[in-house]
PDB file of all heavy atoms in Angstrom:
ATOM      1  N   GLU A   1     -35.156  14.932  23.082  1.00  0.00           N
ATOM      2  CA  GLU A   1     -33.735  15.201  23.144  1.00  0.00           C
ATOM      3  C   GLU A   1     -32.979  14.311  22.147  1.00  0.00           C
ATOM      4  O   GLU A   1     -33.455  13.245  21.761  1.00  0.00           O
ATOM      5  CB  GLU A   1     -33.210  14.968  24.560  1.00  0.00           C
ATOM      6  CG  GLU A   1     -33.765  15.931  25.581  1.00  0.00           C
ATOM      7  CD  GLU A   1     -33.114  15.765  26.941  1.00  0.00           C
ATOM      8  OE1 GLU A   1     -32.347  14.810  27.123  1.00  0.00           O
ATOM      9  OE2 GLU A   1     -33.373  16.604  27.822  1.00  0.00           O
ATOM     10  N   ARG A   2     -31.814  14.783  21.781  1.00  0.00           N
ATOM     11  CA  ARG A   2     -30.980  13.991  20.887  1.00  0.00           C
ATOM     12  C   ARG A   2     -30.497  12.747  21.639  1.00  0.00           C
ATOM     13  O   ARG A   2     -30.116  12.841  22.812  1.00  0.00           O
ATOM     14  CB  ARG A   2     -29.815  14.838  20.388  1.00  0.00           C
ATOM     15  CG  ARG A   2     -29.067  14.247  19.242  1.00  0.00           C
ATOM     16  CD  ARG A   2     -28.473  15.297  18.317  1.00  0.00           C
ATOM     17  NE  ARG A   2     -27.712  16.324  18.964  1.00  0.00           N
ATOM     18  CZ  ARG A   2     -27.166  17.351  18.314  1.00  0.00           C
ATOM     19  NH1 ARG A   2     -27.297  17.450  17.004  1.00  0.00           N
ATOM     20  NH2 ARG A   2     -26.489  18.270  18.965  1.00  0.00           N
ATOM     21  N   GLU A   3     -30.489  11.613  20.948  1.00  0.00           N
ATOM     22  CA  GLU A   3     -30.088  10.366  21.598  1.00  0.00           C
ATOM     23  C   GLU A   3     -29.065   9.614  20.763  1.00  0.00           C
ATOM     24  O   GLU A   3     -29.045   9.693  19.529  1.00  0.00           O
ATOM     25  CB  GLU A   3     -31.311   9.467  21.836  1.00  0.00           C
ATOM     26  CG  GLU A   3     -31.998   8.994  20.572  1.00  0.00           C
ATOM     27  CD  GLU A   3     -33.109   7.985  20.847  1.00  0.00           C
ATOM     28  OE1 GLU A   3     -33.322   7.597  22.016  1.00  0.00           O
ATOM     29  OE2 GLU A   3     -33.763   7.565  19.874  1.00  0.00           O
ATOM     30  N   PHE A   4     -28.235   8.871  21.460  1.00  0.00           N
ATOM     31  CA  PHE A   4     -27.212   8.053  20.819  1.00  0.00           C
ATOM     32  C   PHE A   4     -27.861   6.881  20.093  1.00  0.00           C
ATOM     33  O   PHE A   4     -28.783   6.251  20.613  1.00  0.00           O
ATOM     34  CB  PHE A   4     -26.245   7.545  21.884  1.00  0.00           C
ATOM     35  CG  PHE A   4     -25.238   6.550  21.391  1.00  0.00           C
ATOM     36  CD1 PHE A   4     -24.078   6.971  20.787  1.00  0.00           C
ATOM     37  CD2 PHE A   4     -25.467   5.190  21.539  1.00  0.00           C
ATOM     38  CE1 PHE A   4     -23.146   6.060  20.335  1.00  0.00           C
ATOM     39  CE2 PHE A   4     -24.544   4.266  21.100  1.00  0.00           C
ATOM     40  CZ  PHE A   4     -23.377   4.696  20.489  1.00  0.00           C
ATOM     41  N   VAL A   5     -27.371   6.585  18.909  1.00  0.00           N
ATOM     42  CA  VAL A   5     -27.860   5.445  18.128  1.00  0.00           C
ATOM     43  C   VAL A   5     -26.780   4.374  17.992  1.00  0.00           C
ATOM     44  O   VAL A   5     -27.000   3.215  18.321  1.00  0.00           O
ATOM     45  CB  VAL A   5     -28.325   5.899  16.730  1.00  0.00           C
ATOM     46  CG1 VAL A   5     -28.760   4.696  15.894  1.00  0.00           C
ATOM     47  CG2 VAL A   5     -29.448   6.911  16.831  1.00  0.00           C
ATOM     48  N   SER A   6     -25.621   4.789  17.521  1.00  0.00           N
ATOM     49  CA  SER A   6     -24.555   3.827  17.281  1.00  0.00           C
ATOM     50  C   SER A   6     -23.232   4.560  17.145  1.00  0.00           C
ATOM     51  O   SER A   6     -23.212   5.737  16.785  1.00  0.00           O
ATOM     52  CB  SER A   6     -24.835   3.026  16.002  1.00  0.00           C
ATOM     53  OG  SER A   6     -23.813   2.081  15.751  1.00  0.00           O
ATOM     54  N   GLY A   7     -22.142   3.868  17.427  1.00  0.00           N
ATOM     55  CA  GLY A   7     -20.831   4.463  17.280  1.00  0.00           C
ATOM     56  C   GLY A   7     -19.769   3.411  17.004  1.00  0.00           C
ATOM     57  O   GLY A   7     -19.996   2.226  17.259  1.00  0.00           O
ATOM     58  N   MET A   8     -18.653   3.870  16.474  1.00  0.00           N
ATOM     59  CA  MET A   8     -17.544   2.951  16.252  1.00  0.00           C
ATOM     60  C   MET A   8     -16.222   3.680  16.323  1.00  0.00           C
ATOM     61  O   MET A   8     -16.140   4.867  16.010  1.00  0.00           O
ATOM     62  CB  MET A   8     -17.674   2.271  14.881  1.00  0.00           C
ATOM     63  CG  MET A   8     -17.408   3.145  13.687  1.00  0.00           C
ATOM     64  SD  MET A   8     -17.593   2.269  12.106  1.00  0.00           S
ATOM     65  CE  MET A   8     -16.382   0.973  12.286  1.00  0.00           C
ATOM     66  N   ARG A   9     -15.219   2.978  16.751  1.00  0.00           N
ATOM     67  CA  ARG A   9     -13.868   3.502  16.639  1.00  0.00           C
ATOM     68  C   ARG A   9     -13.429   3.316  15.205  1.00  0.00           C
ATOM     69  O   ARG A   9     -13.715   2.289  14.601  1.00  0.00           O
ATOM     70  CB  ARG A   9     -12.903   2.765  17.568  1.00  0.00           C
ATOM     71  CG  ARG A   9     -13.114   3.067  19.013  1.00  0.00           C
ATOM     72  CD  ARG A   9     -11.908   2.737  19.870  1.00  0.00           C
ATOM     73  NE  ARG A   9     -12.221   2.919  21.271  1.00  0.00           N
ATOM     74  CZ  ARG A   9     -12.207   4.091  21.885  1.00  0.00           C
ATOM     75  NH1 ARG A   9     -11.872   5.175  21.205  1.00  0.00           N
ATOM     76  NH2 ARG A   9     -12.507   4.173  23.164  1.00  0.00           N
ATOM     77  N   TRP A  10     -12.753   4.326  14.664  1.00  0.00           N
ATOM     78  CA  TRP A  10     -12.324   4.237  13.275  1.00  0.00           C
ATOM     79  C   TRP A  10     -11.439   3.023  13.061  1.00  0.00           C
ATOM     80  O   TRP A  10     -11.428   2.443  11.991  1.00  0.00           O
ATOM     81  CB  TRP A  10     -11.585   5.509  12.868  1.00  0.00           C
ATOM     82  CG  TRP A  10     -11.436   5.623  11.393  1.00  0.00           C
ATOM     83  CD1 TRP A  10     -10.325   5.354  10.652  1.00  0.00           C
ATOM     84  CD2 TRP A  10     -12.450   6.010  10.471  1.00  0.00           C
ATOM     85  NE1 TRP A  10     -10.585   5.555   9.320  1.00  0.00           N
ATOM     86  CE2 TRP A  10     -11.878   5.965   9.184  1.00  0.00           C
ATOM     87  CE3 TRP A  10     -13.788   6.386  10.614  1.00  0.00           C
ATOM     88  CZ2 TRP A  10     -12.599   6.285   8.042  1.00  0.00           C
ATOM     89  CZ3 TRP A  10     -14.502   6.707   9.476  1.00  0.00           C
ATOM     90  CH2 TRP A  10     -13.898   6.652   8.212  1.00  0.00           C
ATOM     91  N   SER A  11     -10.708   2.629  14.081  1.00  0.00           N
ATOM     92  CA  SER A  11      -9.865   1.439  13.993  1.00  0.00           C
ATOM     93  C   SER A  11     -10.691   0.157  13.924  1.00  0.00           C
ATOM     94  O   SER A  11     -10.150  -0.925  13.720  1.00  0.00           O
ATOM     95  CB  SER A  11      -8.941   1.369  15.207  1.00  0.00           C
ATOM     96  OG  SER A  11      -9.713   1.220  16.388  1.00  0.00           O
ATOM     97  N   ARG A  12     -11.970   0.288  14.130  1.00  0.00           N
ATOM     98  CA  ARG A  12     -12.913  -0.841  14.120  1.00  0.00           C
ATOM     99  C   ARG A  12     -12.698  -1.796  15.273  1.00  0.00           C
ATOM    100  O   ARG A  12     -13.184  -2.929  15.250  1.00  0.00           O
ATOM    101  CB  ARG A  12     -12.895  -1.603  12.784  1.00  0.00           C
ATOM    102  CG  ARG A  12     -13.528  -0.832  11.662  1.00  0.00           C
ATOM    103  CD  ARG A  12     -13.788  -1.696  10.463  1.00  0.00           C
ATOM    104  NE  ARG A  12     -12.581  -1.973   9.711  1.00  0.00           N
ATOM    105  CZ  ARG A  12     -12.576  -2.393   8.460  1.00  0.00           C
ATOM    106  NH1 ARG A  12     -13.700  -2.602   7.827  1.00  0.00           N
ATOM    107  NH2 ARG A  12     -11.450  -2.629   7.851  1.00  0.00           N
ATOM    108  N   SER A  13     -12.034  -1.322  16.283  1.00  0.00           N
ATOM    109  CA  SER A  13     -11.823  -2.183  17.441  1.00  0.00           C
ATOM    110  C   SER A  13     -13.087  -2.322  18.284  1.00  0.00           C
ATOM    111  O   SER A  13     -13.232  -3.291  19.020  1.00  0.00           O
ATOM    112  CB  SER A  13     -10.683  -1.629  18.297  1.00  0.00           C
ATOM    113  OG  SER A  13     -10.990  -0.317  18.729  1.00  0.00           O
ATOM    114  N   HIS A  14     -13.994  -1.368  18.188  1.00  0.00           N
ATOM    115  CA  HIS A  14     -15.222  -1.441  18.962  1.00  0.00           C
ATOM    116  C   HIS A  14     -16.379  -0.810  18.190  1.00  0.00           C
ATOM    117  O   HIS A  14     -16.187   0.161  17.455  1.00  0.00           O
ATOM    118  CB  HIS A  14     -15.077  -0.676  20.291  1.00  0.00           C
ATOM    119  CG  HIS A  14     -14.208  -1.361  21.276  1.00  0.00           C
ATOM    120  ND1 HIS A  14     -12.858  -1.117  21.352  1.00  0.00           N
ATOM    121  CD2 HIS A  14     -14.486  -2.275  22.231  1.00  0.00           C
ATOM    122  CE1 HIS A  14     -12.344  -1.859  22.307  1.00  0.00           C
ATOM    123  NE2 HIS A  14     -13.304  -2.565  22.869  1.00  0.00           N
ATOM    124  N   THR A  15     -17.551  -1.374  18.403  1.00  0.00           N
ATOM    125  CA  THR A  15     -18.777  -0.738  17.932  1.00  0.00           C
ATOM    126  C   THR A  15     -19.766  -0.741  19.094  1.00  0.00           C
ATOM    127  O   THR A  15     -19.705  -1.589  19.984  1.00  0.00           O
ATOM    128  CB  THR A  15     -19.401  -1.475  16.732  1.00  0.00           C
ATOM    129  OG1 THR A  15     -19.647  -2.840  17.101  1.00  0.00           O
ATOM    130  CG2 THR A  15     -18.475  -1.448  15.521  1.00  0.00           C
ATOM    131  N   TRP A  16     -20.669   0.216  19.074  1.00  0.00           N
ATOM    132  CA  TRP A  16     -21.661   0.339  20.126  1.00  0.00           C
ATOM    133  C   TRP A  16     -23.018   0.625  19.499  1.00  0.00           C
ATOM    134  O   TRP A  16     -23.106   1.311  18.465  1.00  0.00           O
ATOM    135  CB  TRP A  16     -21.304   1.497  21.067  1.00  0.00           C
ATOM    136  CG  TRP A  16     -20.007   1.342  21.767  1.00  0.00           C
ATOM    137  CD1 TRP A  16     -19.776   0.714  22.956  1.00  0.00           C
ATOM    138  CD2 TRP A  16     -18.732   1.847  21.344  1.00  0.00           C
ATOM    139  NE1 TRP A  16     -18.447   0.800  23.284  1.00  0.00           N
ATOM    140  CE2 TRP A  16     -17.780   1.488  22.323  1.00  0.00           C
ATOM    141  CE3 TRP A  16     -18.308   2.577  20.236  1.00  0.00           C
ATOM    142  CZ2 TRP A  16     -16.440   1.814  22.229  1.00  0.00           C
ATOM    143  CZ3 TRP A  16     -16.961   2.902  20.127  1.00  0.00           C
ATOM    144  CH2 TRP A  16     -16.047   2.526  21.117  1.00  0.00           C
ATOM    145  N   TYR A  17     -24.060   0.144  20.144  1.00  0.00           N
ATOM    146  CA  TYR A  17     -25.422   0.365  19.675  1.00  0.00           C
ATOM    147  C   TYR A  17     -26.336   0.666  20.846  1.00  0.00           C
ATOM    148  O   TYR A  17     -26.168   0.124  21.944  1.00  0.00           O
ATOM    149  CB  TYR A  17     -25.957  -0.873  18.954  1.00  0.00           C
ATOM    150  CG  TYR A  17     -25.220  -1.222  17.684  1.00  0.00           C
ATOM    151  CD1 TYR A  17     -24.171  -2.126  17.694  1.00  0.00           C
ATOM    152  CD2 TYR A  17     -25.582  -0.627  16.476  1.00  0.00           C
ATOM    153  CE1 TYR A  17     -23.500  -2.436  16.524  1.00  0.00           C
ATOM    154  CE2 TYR A  17     -24.912  -0.935  15.301  1.00  0.00           C
ATOM    155  CZ  TYR A  17     -23.862  -1.836  15.341  1.00  0.00           C
ATOM    156  OH  TYR A  17     -23.194  -2.135  14.176  1.00  0.00           O
ATOM    157  N   ALA A  18     -27.319   1.504  20.585  1.00  0.00           N
ATOM    158  CA  ALA A  18     -28.406   1.663  21.546  1.00  0.00           C
ATOM    159  C   ALA A  18     -29.207   0.366  21.562  1.00  0.00           C
ATOM    160  O   ALA A  18     -29.340  -0.303  20.531  1.00  0.00           O
ATOM    161  CB  ALA A  18     -29.291   2.833  21.142  1.00  0.00           C
ATOM    162  N   ASP A  19     -29.742   0.025  22.713  1.00  0.00           N
ATOM    163  CA  ASP A  19     -30.501  -1.220  22.827  1.00  0.00           C
ATOM    164  C   ASP A  19     -31.657  -1.261  21.831  1.00  0.00           C
ATOM    165  O   ASP A  19     -32.005  -2.319  21.301  1.00  0.00           O
ATOM    166  CB  ASP A  19     -31.042  -1.367  24.245  1.00  0.00           C
ATOM    167  CG  ASP A  19     -29.950  -1.704  25.243  1.00  0.00           C
ATOM    168  OD1 ASP A  19     -28.849  -2.121  24.819  1.00  0.00           O
ATOM    169  OD2 ASP A  19     -30.191  -1.535  26.457  1.00  0.00           O
ATOM    170  N   SER A  20     -32.237  -0.109  21.556  1.00  0.00           N
ATOM    171  CA  SER A  20     -33.419  -0.058  20.695  1.00  0.00           C
ATOM    172  C   SER A  20     -33.121  -0.391  19.239  1.00  0.00           C
ATOM    173  O   SER A  20     -34.038  -0.700  18.472  1.00  0.00           O
ATOM    174  CB  SER A  20     -34.067   1.323  20.786  1.00  0.00           C
ATOM    175  OG  SER A  20     -33.147   2.314  20.351  1.00  0.00           O
ATOM    176  N   VAL A  21     -31.853  -0.337  18.842  1.00  0.00           N
ATOM    177  CA  VAL A  21     -31.526  -0.577  17.438  1.00  0.00           C
ATOM    178  C   VAL A  21     -30.662  -1.815  17.239  1.00  0.00           C
ATOM    179  O   VAL A  21     -30.387  -2.202  16.094  1.00  0.00           O
ATOM    180  CB  VAL A  21     -30.827   0.644  16.791  1.00  0.00           C
ATOM    181  CG1 VAL A  21     -31.648   1.903  17.005  1.00  0.00           C
ATOM    182  CG2 VAL A  21     -29.407   0.813  17.335  1.00  0.00           C
ATOM    183  N   LYS A  22     -30.255  -2.416  18.325  1.00  0.00           N
ATOM    184  CA  LYS A  22     -29.404  -3.592  18.236  1.00  0.00           C
ATOM    185  C   LYS A  22     -30.108  -4.649  17.392  1.00  0.00           C
ATOM    186  O   LYS A  22     -31.299  -4.869  17.509  1.00  0.00           O
ATOM    187  CB  LYS A  22     -29.124  -4.118  19.647  1.00  0.00           C
ATOM    188  CG  LYS A  22     -27.706  -4.524  19.898  1.00  0.00           C
ATOM    189  CD  LYS A  22     -27.504  -4.912  21.350  1.00  0.00           C
ATOM    190  CE  LYS A  22     -27.024  -3.739  22.167  1.00  0.00           C
ATOM    191  NZ  LYS A  22     -26.673  -4.114  23.547  1.00  0.00           N
ATOM    192  N   ASP A  23     -29.371  -5.332  16.568  1.00  0.00           N
ATOM    193  CA  ASP A  23     -29.873  -6.398  15.680  1.00  0.00           C
ATOM    194  C   ASP A  23     -30.642  -5.866  14.479  1.00  0.00           C
ATOM    195  O   ASP A  23     -31.065  -6.651  13.633  1.00  0.00           O
ATOM    196  CB  ASP A  23     -30.774  -7.393  16.435  1.00  0.00           C
ATOM    197  CG  ASP A  23     -30.048  -8.073  17.578  1.00  0.00           C
ATOM    198  OD1 ASP A  23     -28.844  -8.351  17.417  1.00  0.00           O
ATOM    199  OD2 ASP A  23     -30.674  -8.317  18.611  1.00  0.00           O
ATOM    200  N   ARG A  24     -30.846  -4.554  14.398  1.00  0.00           N
ATOM    201  CA  ARG A  24     -31.499  -3.993  13.217  1.00  0.00           C
ATOM    202  C   ARG A  24     -30.593  -3.015  12.475  1.00  0.00           C
ATOM    203  O   ARG A  24     -30.683  -2.882  11.253  1.00  0.00           O
ATOM    204  CB  ARG A  24     -32.806  -3.272  13.603  1.00  0.00           C
ATOM    205  CG  ARG A  24     -33.876  -4.180  14.157  1.00  0.00           C
ATOM    206  CD  ARG A  24     -35.194  -3.421  14.352  1.00  0.00           C
ATOM    207  NE  ARG A  24     -35.020  -2.321  15.289  1.00  0.00           N
ATOM    208  CZ  ARG A  24     -35.201  -1.048  14.979  1.00  0.00           C
ATOM    209  NH1 ARG A  24     -35.554  -0.699  13.748  1.00  0.00           N
ATOM    210  NH2 ARG A  24     -35.043  -0.118  15.892  1.00  0.00           N
ATOM    211  N   PHE A  25     -29.748  -2.294  13.198  1.00  0.00           N
ATOM    212  CA  PHE A  25     -28.866  -1.301  12.599  1.00  0.00           C
ATOM    213  C   PHE A  25     -27.429  -1.831  12.621  1.00  0.00           C
ATOM    214  O   PHE A  25     -27.025  -2.531  13.562  1.00  0.00           O
ATOM    215  CB  PHE A  25     -28.908   0.009  13.378  1.00  0.00           C
ATOM    216  CG  PHE A  25     -30.186   0.795  13.239  1.00  0.00           C
ATOM    217  CD1 PHE A  25     -31.342   0.245  12.713  1.00  0.00           C
ATOM    218  CD2 PHE A  25     -30.241   2.122  13.663  1.00  0.00           C
ATOM    219  CE1 PHE A  25     -32.517   0.966  12.592  1.00  0.00           C
ATOM    220  CE2 PHE A  25     -31.404   2.866  13.558  1.00  0.00           C
ATOM    221  CZ  PHE A  25     -32.541   2.282  13.023  1.00  0.00           C
ATOM    222  N   THR A  26     -26.665  -1.448  11.617  1.00  0.00           N
ATOM    223  CA  THR A  26     -25.262  -1.827  11.554  1.00  0.00           C
ATOM    224  C   THR A  26     -24.428  -0.619  11.152  1.00  0.00           C
ATOM    225  O   THR A  26     -24.733   0.041  10.146  1.00  0.00           O
ATOM    226  CB  THR A  26     -25.042  -2.953  10.528  1.00  0.00           C
ATOM    227  OG1 THR A  26     -25.854  -4.083  10.863  1.00  0.00           O
ATOM    228  CG2 THR A  26     -23.574  -3.386  10.532  1.00  0.00           C
ATOM    229  N   ILE A  27     -23.395  -0.356  11.922  1.00  0.00           N
ATOM    230  CA  ILE A  27     -22.475   0.731  11.601  1.00  0.00           C
ATOM    231  C   ILE A  27     -21.230   0.130  10.964  1.00  0.00           C
ATOM    232  O   ILE A  27     -20.760  -0.939  11.368  1.00  0.00           O
ATOM    233  CB  ILE A  27     -22.127   1.554  12.861  1.00  0.00           C
ATOM    234  CG1 ILE A  27     -21.408   2.852  12.483  1.00  0.00           C
ATOM    235  CG2 ILE A  27     -21.335   0.738  13.870  1.00  0.00           C
ATOM    236  CD1 ILE A  27     -21.279   3.832  13.644  1.00  0.00           C
ATOM    237  N   SER A  28     -20.721   0.818   9.965  1.00  0.00           N
ATOM    238  CA  SER A  28     -19.528   0.343   9.272  1.00  0.00           C
ATOM    239  C   SER A  28     -18.809   1.542   8.678  1.00  0.00           C
ATOM    240  O   SER A  28     -19.319   2.666   8.719  1.00  0.00           O
ATOM    241  CB  SER A  28     -19.900  -0.647   8.169  1.00  0.00           C
ATOM    242  OG  SER A  28     -20.714  -0.026   7.185  1.00  0.00           O
ATOM    243  N   ARG A  29     -17.634   1.288   8.118  1.00  0.00           N
ATOM    244  CA  ARG A  29     -16.913   2.407   7.508  1.00  0.00           C
ATOM    245  C   ARG A  29     -16.084   1.930   6.324  1.00  0.00           C
ATOM    246  O   ARG A  29     -15.723   0.776   6.225  1.00  0.00           O
ATOM    247  CB  ARG A  29     -16.038   3.110   8.547  1.00  0.00           C
ATOM    248  CG  ARG A  29     -14.992   2.245   9.192  1.00  0.00           C
ATOM    249  CD  ARG A  29     -13.630   2.576   8.680  1.00  0.00           C
ATOM    250  NE  ARG A  29     -12.588   1.994   9.514  1.00  0.00           N
ATOM    251  CZ  ARG A  29     -11.433   1.552   9.049  1.00  0.00           C
ATOM    252  NH1 ARG A  29     -11.167   1.608   7.750  1.00  0.00           N
ATOM    253  NH2 ARG A  29     -10.515   1.054   9.860  1.00  0.00           N
ATOM    254  N   ASP A  30     -15.842   2.865   5.431  1.00  0.00           N
ATOM    255  CA  ASP A  30     -14.985   2.659   4.276  1.00  0.00           C
ATOM    256  C   ASP A  30     -13.814   3.619   4.428  1.00  0.00           C
ATOM    257  O   ASP A  30     -13.985   4.831   4.259  1.00  0.00           O
ATOM    258  CB  ASP A  30     -15.774   2.930   2.988  1.00  0.00           C
ATOM    259  CG  ASP A  30     -14.964   2.653   1.740  1.00  0.00           C
ATOM    260  OD1 ASP A  30     -13.726   2.765   1.786  1.00  0.00           O
ATOM    261  OD2 ASP A  30     -15.584   2.328   0.712  1.00  0.00           O
ATOM    262  N   SER A  31     -12.653   3.097   4.753  1.00  0.00           N
ATOM    263  CA  SER A  31     -11.517   3.972   5.022  1.00  0.00           C
ATOM    264  C   SER A  31     -11.028   4.679   3.766  1.00  0.00           C
ATOM    265  O   SER A  31     -10.517   5.794   3.830  1.00  0.00           O
ATOM    266  CB  SER A  31     -10.379   3.176   5.652  1.00  0.00           C
ATOM    267  OG  SER A  31      -9.975   2.124   4.797  1.00  0.00           O
ATOM    268  N   ASP A  32     -11.209   4.062   2.622  1.00  0.00           N
ATOM    269  CA  ASP A  32     -10.771   4.715   1.375  1.00  0.00           C
ATOM    270  C   ASP A  32     -11.591   5.963   1.093  1.00  0.00           C
ATOM    271  O   ASP A  32     -11.104   6.919   0.492  1.00  0.00           O
ATOM    272  CB  ASP A  32     -10.889   3.746   0.200  1.00  0.00           C
ATOM    273  CG  ASP A  32      -9.879   2.620   0.277  1.00  0.00           C
ATOM    274  OD1 ASP A  32      -8.841   2.811   0.943  1.00  0.00           O
ATOM    275  OD2 ASP A  32     -10.128   1.565  -0.317  1.00  0.00           O
ATOM    276  N   LYS A  33     -12.842   5.946   1.512  1.00  0.00           N
ATOM    277  CA  LYS A  33     -13.729   7.076   1.271  1.00  0.00           C
ATOM    278  C   LYS A  33     -13.906   7.946   2.510  1.00  0.00           C
ATOM    279  O   LYS A  33     -14.645   8.930   2.467  1.00  0.00           O
ATOM    280  CB  LYS A  33     -15.099   6.578   0.798  1.00  0.00           C
ATOM    281  CG  LYS A  33     -15.064   5.826  -0.512  1.00  0.00           C
ATOM    282  CD  LYS A  33     -16.463   5.366  -0.915  1.00  0.00           C
ATOM    283  CE  LYS A  33     -16.416   4.626  -2.245  1.00  0.00           C
ATOM    284  NZ  LYS A  33     -17.760   4.137  -2.648  1.00  0.00           N
ATOM    285  N   ASN A  34     -13.274   7.563   3.614  1.00  0.00           N
ATOM    286  CA  ASN A  34     -13.456   8.295   4.879  1.00  0.00           C
ATOM    287  C   ASN A  34     -14.936   8.481   5.188  1.00  0.00           C
ATOM    288  O   ASN A  34     -15.385   9.582   5.562  1.00  0.00           O
ATOM    289  CB  ASN A  34     -12.755   9.656   4.827  1.00  0.00           C
ATOM    290  CG  ASN A  34     -11.302   9.569   5.258  1.00  0.00           C
ATOM    291  OD1 ASN A  34     -10.807   8.489   5.596  1.00  0.00           O
ATOM    292  ND2 ASN A  34     -10.615  10.687   5.245  1.00  0.00           N
ATOM    293  N   THR A  35     -15.672   7.424   5.026  1.00  0.00           N
ATOM    294  CA  THR A  35     -17.124   7.488   5.177  1.00  0.00           C
ATOM    295  C   THR A  35     -17.602   6.418   6.151  1.00  0.00           C
ATOM    296  O   THR A  35     -17.144   5.276   6.106  1.00  0.00           O
ATOM    297  CB  THR A  35     -17.826   7.308   3.821  1.00  0.00           C
ATOM    298  OG1 THR A  35     -17.432   8.375   2.949  1.00  0.00           O
ATOM    299  CG2 THR A  35     -19.337   7.321   3.969  1.00  0.00           C
ATOM    300  N   VAL A  36     -18.506   6.816   7.023  1.00  0.00           N
ATOM    301  CA  VAL A  36     -19.153   5.901   7.956  1.00  0.00           C
ATOM    302  C   VAL A  36     -20.593   5.717   7.511  1.00  0.00           C
ATOM    303  O   VAL A  36     -21.255   6.683   7.109  1.00  0.00           O
ATOM    304  CB  VAL A  36     -19.109   6.456   9.389  1.00  0.00           C
ATOM    305  CG1 VAL A  36     -19.947   5.590  10.323  1.00  0.00           C
ATOM    306  CG2 VAL A  36     -17.674   6.520   9.878  1.00  0.00           C
ATOM    307  N   TYR A  37     -21.055   4.498   7.581  1.00  0.00           N
ATOM    308  CA  TYR A  37     -22.410   4.172   7.166  1.00  0.00           C
ATOM    309  C   TYR A  37     -23.240   3.694   8.351  1.00  0.00           C
ATOM    310  O   TYR A  37     -22.711   3.101   9.291  1.00  0.00           O
ATOM    311  CB  TYR A  37     -22.396   3.081   6.101  1.00  0.00           C
ATOM    312  CG  TYR A  37     -21.584   3.423   4.888  1.00  0.00           C
ATOM    313  CD1 TYR A  37     -20.285   2.934   4.733  1.00  0.00           C
ATOM    314  CD2 TYR A  37     -22.105   4.250   3.890  1.00  0.00           C
ATOM    315  CE1 TYR A  37     -19.536   3.254   3.611  1.00  0.00           C
ATOM    316  CE2 TYR A  37     -21.360   4.575   2.771  1.00  0.00           C
ATOM    317  CZ  TYR A  37     -20.076   4.077   2.636  1.00  0.00           C
ATOM    318  OH  TYR A  37     -19.338   4.403   1.536  1.00  0.00           O
TER     319      TYR A  37
END
């Protein structure tokens, strides 16, 4: 099944990670490019 990996509020007030990826994955965004990484 599809599973959650990571998420963030565009305002950057919160980020969330699945336990399995914590400390290895990082979510971020570039507002000028409207892109999430």
